[in-house]
Structure formats: C-alpha cells, structure tokens
Amino acid sequence: MTINCKGKLIDFSVPKVMGILNLTPDSFYDGGKYKNQDEILLRTEKMLNEGANFIDIGGYSSKPNASFVTEEEEIKRVIPIVKLLAETFPDILISVDSFRAKVAQESIAAGAAIINDISAGNLDDKMIPTIGKLQVPYLMMHMRGTPQTMQTKTTYNNLTQEINYYFSQKIQEAYNAGINDIIIDPGFGFAKTTEQNFELFKQLDIFKHFQLPILVGISRKSMLYKTLETTPDNALNATSVLNTYALLNGANILRVHDVKEAVECVKLTQKLMF
C-alpha cells in the first residue's frame, strides 16, 4: 500500500506518524502556543527529529463549536508557514488541514504535499475536482455538518455501516475526479458521542476492506480525557494506549501532538506483529 507525495513513494508496510502543527488560537490542546516563526520552526524541527513522516498544518480549528474563520484569514495563517517550512526543510512532507478548495490550491502551490479535508468535499463542492486537477494525495474524513454543528448530528441507525457507506460513496467520487491517492479517516470526535467513538474504535479493522491507508487521530481528545476524568494535558498515556490498539487493528497513520511517543508505539507494535 503506497501513496505518491511530490514524486516520493510512501510505503505503508510500516505505519507512519503525522505531527500536528496548529496555527489556530483556539485549538482544544495547543491553540495559540506557536505564535511566531521561531517557535513554529523549533516545533517542526522537534517533530521531524523525533520521526514524524508528515507535518499537518491547520489554520481553522475543527473542535466542536469552533469559531468561524474566513477564507482570507485561513490563507493568511497557513500559506506563509507552508512556504517557510518548505524552504527551511526541503524534504518535508506537509499536509494542510482545510476543507476549502482555494486554501488547498494555494497550499500545494506553496509547497504542501497532501490535503487533509475533514468534510471529504461536503463543505466545498470545488474541493474534490480541485484535488483531481492538482494530483496530490487526499485525506478524507467522516463528519456530519460543520465544526459548529457536528455535535448535534450524532444519531445513527448503524454507526459503522453508515460510515462504511459514506466512504464507499466518497472514494468513488474521488476516483471519478481523477484522484489516485486516497487516505481515509473515520473521524473520531466528529459528529460522534464518546460511546460512539469507542464503538467505532472497536470496529476499526472493518475499514481495511477499502485497501486504502487508514488514519487515526485521537491524540489527547475528549473521548480519552473525559473517560478518565482528566484533562488534555494529562491524556498522553491514554493516547499511547489507544494508538497501540489502532495500530494492531489496521491503522496506517497516527495523527498526533506527541511524535516521539507515537513513533515508539509503531516500533513496539511492529515487534508484536512481525
């Protein structure tokens, strides 16, 4: 199983790690932490040195009830940092977390390699055709509604079956648009209750039948810290536990705040599996 990133073939026979770089002031865990270029460069260098295969940049928080951000503001936050990182770290593979086609287009032009769309094209009907023209890997997530409304849309008749059907449709739409490299993300925490997140987690291996890379992003999320009655700051151990479970059940990419610990999860689970 492989994807093509800027002419580089990424092989998922060994799972990969995607480090999170939030450029938003209101992210649930590290919002506003990286305020200037020096801090951003130090954070990125640290993640790369710890073994991150991808760096995921976001300029619009997708936490429940997140503040609306205009397209102009998102571009202002994201594009200069994509350019900065691409120039500073020539071999970096940057993923840009956006549901807007214009942001995607400008990000790829600035040096990004992957587009990570929480809505799988549902919030901008130009997104999937744009990715098809750009010929870059497309990470599509399951979500209902928007970050502002998603937690009111948690009623399902059969959670896993409905998400499976959603991906069947979205993958076909992407292929029809000429997208060759697709990654799927079940969307833990997006239009799902804590109980539904755990139900979905237990059935993660169902999505292996698509024969596409599966990304799991549960780093320090509320399904962990609320279950343990703690805070995001104290949810690193919980993140490692479920990242390990995810790897043993088919995850190919871990999207995390803490790269070193995720890389250790990959190394140890590889010893168990091979």
Protein backbone atom coordinates (compact mmCIF):
# COMPACT_ATOMS: atom_id res chain seq x y z
CA MET A 1 0.00 0.00 0.00
CA THR A 2 1.59 3.29 -1.15
CA ILE A 3 0.84 6.92 -1.97
CA ASN A 4 2.81 9.32 -4.15
CA CYS A 5 3.87 12.52 -2.35
CA LYS A 6 5.70 15.02 -4.57
CA GLY A 7 7.25 12.17 -6.54
CA LYS A 8 8.20 10.27 -3.41
CA LEU A 9 6.55 6.87 -2.90
CA ILE A 10 5.38 6.45 0.69
CA ASP A 11 5.10 2.78 1.68
CA PHE A 12 2.67 1.91 4.48
CA SER A 13 4.05 -1.53 5.19
CA VAL A 14 5.35 0.27 8.30
CA PRO A 15 2.81 2.73 9.78
CA LYS A 16 3.62 6.44 9.62
CA VAL A 17 3.29 9.33 12.07
CA MET A 18 1.75 12.71 11.27
CA GLY A 19 2.74 15.52 13.65
CA ILE A 20 0.19 18.27 14.35
CA LEU A 21 1.13 21.93 13.95
CA ASN A 22 -1.84 24.10 14.94
CA LEU A 23 -1.78 27.70 13.74
CA THR A 24 -5.09 28.48 15.43
CA PRO A 25 -5.58 30.45 18.65
CA ASP A 26 -8.45 28.19 19.78
CA SER A 27 -7.36 24.58 19.22
CA PHE A 28 -8.52 22.38 22.11
CA TYR A 29 -4.98 21.39 23.19
CA ASP A 30 -2.24 23.67 21.87
CA GLY A 31 -4.13 26.64 20.44
CA GLY A 32 -2.06 29.82 20.31
CA LYS A 33 1.08 28.06 21.52
CA TYR A 34 3.17 28.71 18.41
CA LYS A 35 2.92 32.47 17.89
CA ASN A 36 5.96 33.33 15.79
CA GLN A 37 8.20 31.83 13.12
CA ASP A 38 10.97 30.81 15.53
CA GLU A 39 8.55 28.85 17.72
CA ILE A 40 6.99 27.23 14.65
CA LEU A 41 10.38 26.23 13.26
CA LEU A 42 11.51 24.80 16.60
CA ARG A 43 8.29 22.81 16.97
CA THR A 44 8.54 21.46 13.42
CA GLU A 45 12.23 20.57 13.76
CA LYS A 46 11.49 18.73 17.01
CA MET A 47 8.72 16.65 15.39
CA LEU A 48 10.86 15.82 12.36
CA ASN A 49 13.80 14.82 14.56
CA GLU A 50 11.50 12.59 16.62
CA GLY A 51 10.45 10.73 13.47
CA ALA A 52 7.39 12.47 12.03
CA ASN A 53 6.79 11.43 8.41
CA PHE A 54 4.28 14.23 7.78
CA ILE A 55 3.57 17.61 9.38
CA ASP A 56 -0.12 18.57 9.39
CA ILE A 57 -0.79 22.32 9.40
CA GLY A 58 -4.19 23.70 10.35
CA GLY A 59 -5.42 27.29 10.30
CA TYR A 60 -9.05 26.62 11.23
CA SER A 61 -9.83 24.78 14.46
CA SER A 62 -12.20 21.88 13.93
CA LYS A 63 -13.03 21.30 17.60
CA PRO A 64 -16.75 21.27 18.49
CA ASN A 65 -18.25 24.79 18.33
CA ALA A 66 -15.02 26.23 16.94
CA SER A 67 -15.07 29.89 15.91
CA PHE A 68 -15.74 30.58 12.24
CA VAL A 69 -12.66 31.65 10.27
CA THR A 70 -12.90 33.42 6.93
CA GLU A 71 -11.15 32.00 3.89
CA GLU A 72 -8.88 35.08 3.78
CA GLU A 73 -7.84 34.64 7.42
CA GLU A 74 -7.17 30.92 6.93
CA ILE A 75 -4.96 31.64 3.92
CA LYS A 76 -3.16 34.37 5.89
CA ARG A 77 -2.42 31.90 8.69
CA VAL A 78 -1.45 28.90 6.60
CA ILE A 79 0.32 29.87 3.36
CA PRO A 80 3.30 31.80 4.81
CA ILE A 81 4.02 28.89 7.18
CA VAL A 82 3.82 26.32 4.38
CA LYS A 83 6.34 28.40 2.42
CA LEU A 84 8.57 28.83 5.47
CA LEU A 85 8.65 25.12 6.29
CA ALA A 86 9.11 24.04 2.66
CA GLU A 87 12.08 26.41 2.33
CA THR A 88 13.63 25.51 5.69
CA PHE A 89 13.15 21.74 5.48
CA PRO A 90 13.46 20.79 1.76
CA ASP A 91 12.45 17.13 2.31
CA ILE A 92 9.41 17.85 4.49
CA LEU A 93 6.02 16.39 3.54
CA ILE A 94 3.40 18.94 4.58
CA SER A 95 -0.26 18.11 4.95
CA VAL A 96 -2.68 21.04 5.09
CA ASP A 97 -5.85 20.59 7.12
CA SER A 98 -8.54 22.52 5.24
CA PHE A 99 -11.98 21.95 3.72
CA ARG A 100 -11.64 24.87 1.27
CA ALA A 101 -10.53 24.34 -2.33
CA LYS A 102 -8.81 27.73 -2.60
CA VAL A 103 -6.76 27.05 0.54
CA ALA A 104 -5.86 23.63 -0.86
CA GLN A 105 -4.76 25.07 -4.21
CA GLU A 106 -2.63 27.80 -2.65
CA SER A 107 -1.13 25.37 -0.13
CA ILE A 108 0.05 22.95 -2.82
CA ALA A 109 1.49 25.85 -4.82
CA ALA A 110 3.36 26.96 -1.68
CA GLY A 111 4.95 23.53 -1.16
CA ALA A 112 2.43 21.29 0.62
CA ALA A 113 2.10 17.64 -0.42
CA ILE A 114 -1.25 16.41 0.99
CA ILE A 115 -4.68 17.92 1.61
CA ASN A 116 -6.48 16.81 4.77
CA ASP A 117 -10.21 17.57 4.43
CA ILE A 118 -12.40 16.98 7.48
CA SER A 119 -15.51 17.15 5.28
CA ALA A 120 -14.41 14.94 2.34
CA GLY A 121 -15.64 17.63 -0.04
CA ASN A 122 -19.02 18.21 1.62
CA LEU A 123 -18.23 21.79 2.70
CA ASP A 124 -16.83 22.95 -0.65
CA ASP A 125 -18.07 21.34 -3.84
CA LYS A 126 -14.93 22.54 -5.65
CA MET A 127 -12.60 20.59 -3.35
CA ILE A 128 -12.67 17.12 -4.93
CA PRO A 129 -12.38 18.41 -8.54
CA THR A 130 -9.53 20.68 -7.40
CA ILE A 131 -7.63 17.78 -5.83
CA GLY A 132 -8.15 15.78 -9.02
CA LYS A 133 -6.50 18.57 -11.02
CA LEU A 134 -3.69 19.00 -8.52
CA GLN A 135 -2.98 15.23 -8.49
CA VAL A 136 -2.00 15.13 -4.82
CA PRO A 137 -2.97 12.69 -2.05
CA TYR A 138 -6.35 13.42 -0.48
CA LEU A 139 -7.12 12.59 3.14
CA MET A 140 -10.89 12.37 3.57
CA MET A 141 -12.57 12.19 6.95
CA HIS A 142 -16.06 11.21 8.06
CA MET A 143 -18.01 14.08 9.57
CA ARG A 144 -21.57 15.39 9.54
CA GLY A 145 -22.35 19.10 9.48
CA THR A 146 -19.67 21.65 10.35
CA PRO A 147 -17.42 22.11 13.39
CA GLN A 148 -20.11 24.43 14.72
CA THR A 149 -23.00 21.94 14.28
CA MET A 150 -21.48 18.45 14.21
CA GLN A 151 -22.25 17.54 17.82
CA THR A 152 -25.98 17.91 17.11
CA LYS A 153 -25.72 15.26 14.38
CA THR A 154 -24.87 12.11 16.33
CA THR A 155 -27.96 9.98 15.60
CA TYR A 156 -27.21 6.83 13.58
CA ASN A 157 -29.16 3.66 12.89
CA ASN A 158 -25.93 1.70 12.46
CA LEU A 159 -22.81 3.80 13.05
CA THR A 160 -20.15 1.66 11.37
CA GLN A 161 -22.37 0.63 8.48
CA GLU A 162 -23.28 4.25 7.73
CA ILE A 163 -19.64 5.39 7.85
CA ASN A 164 -18.69 2.49 5.59
CA TYR A 165 -21.35 3.57 3.08
CA TYR A 166 -20.17 7.19 3.33
CA PHE A 167 -16.63 6.18 2.41
CA SER A 168 -17.85 3.96 -0.43
CA GLN A 169 -19.56 6.97 -2.00
CA LYS A 170 -16.76 9.43 -1.30
CA ILE A 171 -14.00 7.15 -2.56
CA GLN A 172 -15.90 6.59 -5.82
CA GLU A 173 -16.43 10.34 -6.18
CA ALA A 174 -12.71 10.91 -5.69
CA TYR A 175 -11.75 8.25 -8.22
CA ASN A 176 -14.22 9.75 -10.73
CA ALA A 177 -12.45 13.11 -10.29
CA GLY A 178 -9.07 11.53 -11.10
CA ILE A 179 -7.72 11.35 -7.56
CA ASN A 180 -5.31 8.42 -7.34
CA ASP A 181 -4.02 8.57 -3.76
CA ILE A 182 -6.68 8.46 -1.03
CA ILE A 183 -6.38 8.14 2.76
CA ILE A 184 -9.46 7.63 4.95
CA ASP A 185 -10.06 8.87 8.49
CA PRO A 186 -13.09 7.59 10.49
CA GLY A 187 -13.28 10.95 12.25
CA PHE A 188 -13.13 10.20 15.95
CA GLY A 189 -14.85 13.03 17.83
CA PHE A 190 -16.60 14.43 14.75
CA ALA A 191 -20.39 14.06 14.94
CA LYS A 192 -19.93 11.19 17.37
CA THR A 193 -20.53 10.78 21.09
CA THR A 194 -17.89 9.33 23.39
CA GLU A 195 -19.71 5.99 23.37
CA GLN A 196 -19.91 6.02 19.57
CA ASN A 197 -16.19 6.79 19.33
CA PHE A 198 -15.37 3.67 21.33
CA GLU A 199 -17.87 1.59 19.34
CA LEU A 200 -16.21 2.75 16.13
CA PHE A 201 -12.75 2.15 17.54
CA LYS A 202 -13.58 -1.48 18.34
CA GLN A 203 -14.58 -2.00 14.69
CA LEU A 204 -11.71 -0.11 13.08
CA ASP A 205 -10.48 -3.12 11.13
CA ILE A 206 -13.74 -3.15 9.12
CA PHE A 207 -12.38 -0.29 7.02
CA LYS A 208 -9.39 -2.34 5.88
CA HIS A 209 -11.52 -3.77 3.07
CA PHE A 210 -11.13 -0.49 1.14
CA GLN A 211 -7.43 -1.35 0.83
CA LEU A 212 -6.54 2.30 1.46
CA PRO A 213 -4.36 3.81 4.20
CA ILE A 214 -6.35 4.46 7.39
CA LEU A 215 -5.52 7.46 9.56
CA VAL A 216 -6.45 7.55 13.25
CA GLY A 217 -6.48 10.87 15.07
CA ILE A 218 -7.36 10.52 18.75
CA SER A 219 -4.45 12.47 20.25
CA ARG A 220 -5.49 13.90 23.64
CA LYS A 221 -9.16 14.04 22.54
CA SER A 222 -12.17 14.26 24.85
CA MET A 223 -13.07 10.58 24.34
CA LEU A 224 -9.88 9.91 26.31
CA TYR A 225 -9.69 12.62 28.94
CA LYS A 226 -13.43 12.70 29.70
CA THR A 227 -13.49 8.93 30.12
CA LEU A 228 -10.56 9.18 32.54
CA GLU A 229 -11.96 12.33 34.19
CA THR A 230 -8.83 14.32 33.48
CA THR A 231 -7.63 16.99 31.02
CA PRO A 232 -5.97 17.07 27.58
CA ASP A 233 -2.66 17.90 29.28
CA ASN A 234 -2.84 14.60 31.18
CA ALA A 235 -4.00 12.42 28.28
CA LEU A 236 -0.68 11.38 26.72
CA ASN A 237 -0.66 7.92 28.28
CA ALA A 238 -4.27 7.36 27.19
CA THR A 239 -3.34 8.46 23.67
CA SER A 240 -0.49 5.93 23.54
CA VAL A 241 -2.77 3.12 24.73
CA LEU A 242 -5.36 3.71 22.01
CA ASN A 243 -2.74 4.44 19.35
CA THR A 244 -1.32 1.00 20.07
CA TYR A 245 -4.77 -0.57 19.76
CA ALA A 246 -5.29 1.32 16.49
CA LEU A 247 -2.01 0.05 15.02
CA LEU A 248 -2.87 -3.53 15.96
CA ASN A 249 -6.22 -3.15 14.19
CA GLY A 250 -5.21 -1.65 10.89
CA ALA A 251 -4.19 2.00 11.35
CA ASN A 252 -1.53 3.12 8.87
CA ILE A 253 -1.07 6.71 10.08
CA LEU A 254 -1.24 8.16 13.59
CA ARG A 255 -2.02 11.88 13.71
CA VAL A 256 -0.58 13.15 17.00
CA HIS A 257 0.64 16.05 19.10
CA ASP A 258 3.39 13.86 20.63
CA VAL A 259 5.55 12.37 17.89
CA LYS A 260 8.19 10.60 19.97
CA GLU A 261 5.63 8.51 21.85
CA ALA A 262 3.72 7.66 18.67
CA VAL A 263 6.92 6.51 16.93
CA GLU A 264 7.60 4.27 19.94
CA CYS A 265 4.09 2.80 19.60
CA VAL A 266 4.84 2.00 15.95
CA LYS A 267 8.20 0.36 16.76
CA LEU A 268 6.78 -1.81 19.55
CA THR A 269 3.66 -2.93 17.68
CA GLN A 270 5.83 -3.87 14.71
CA LYS A 271 7.68 -6.26 17.02
CA LEU A 272 4.37 -7.82 18.04
CA MET A 273 3.06 -8.19 14.50
CA PHE A 274 6.15 -9.44 12.64
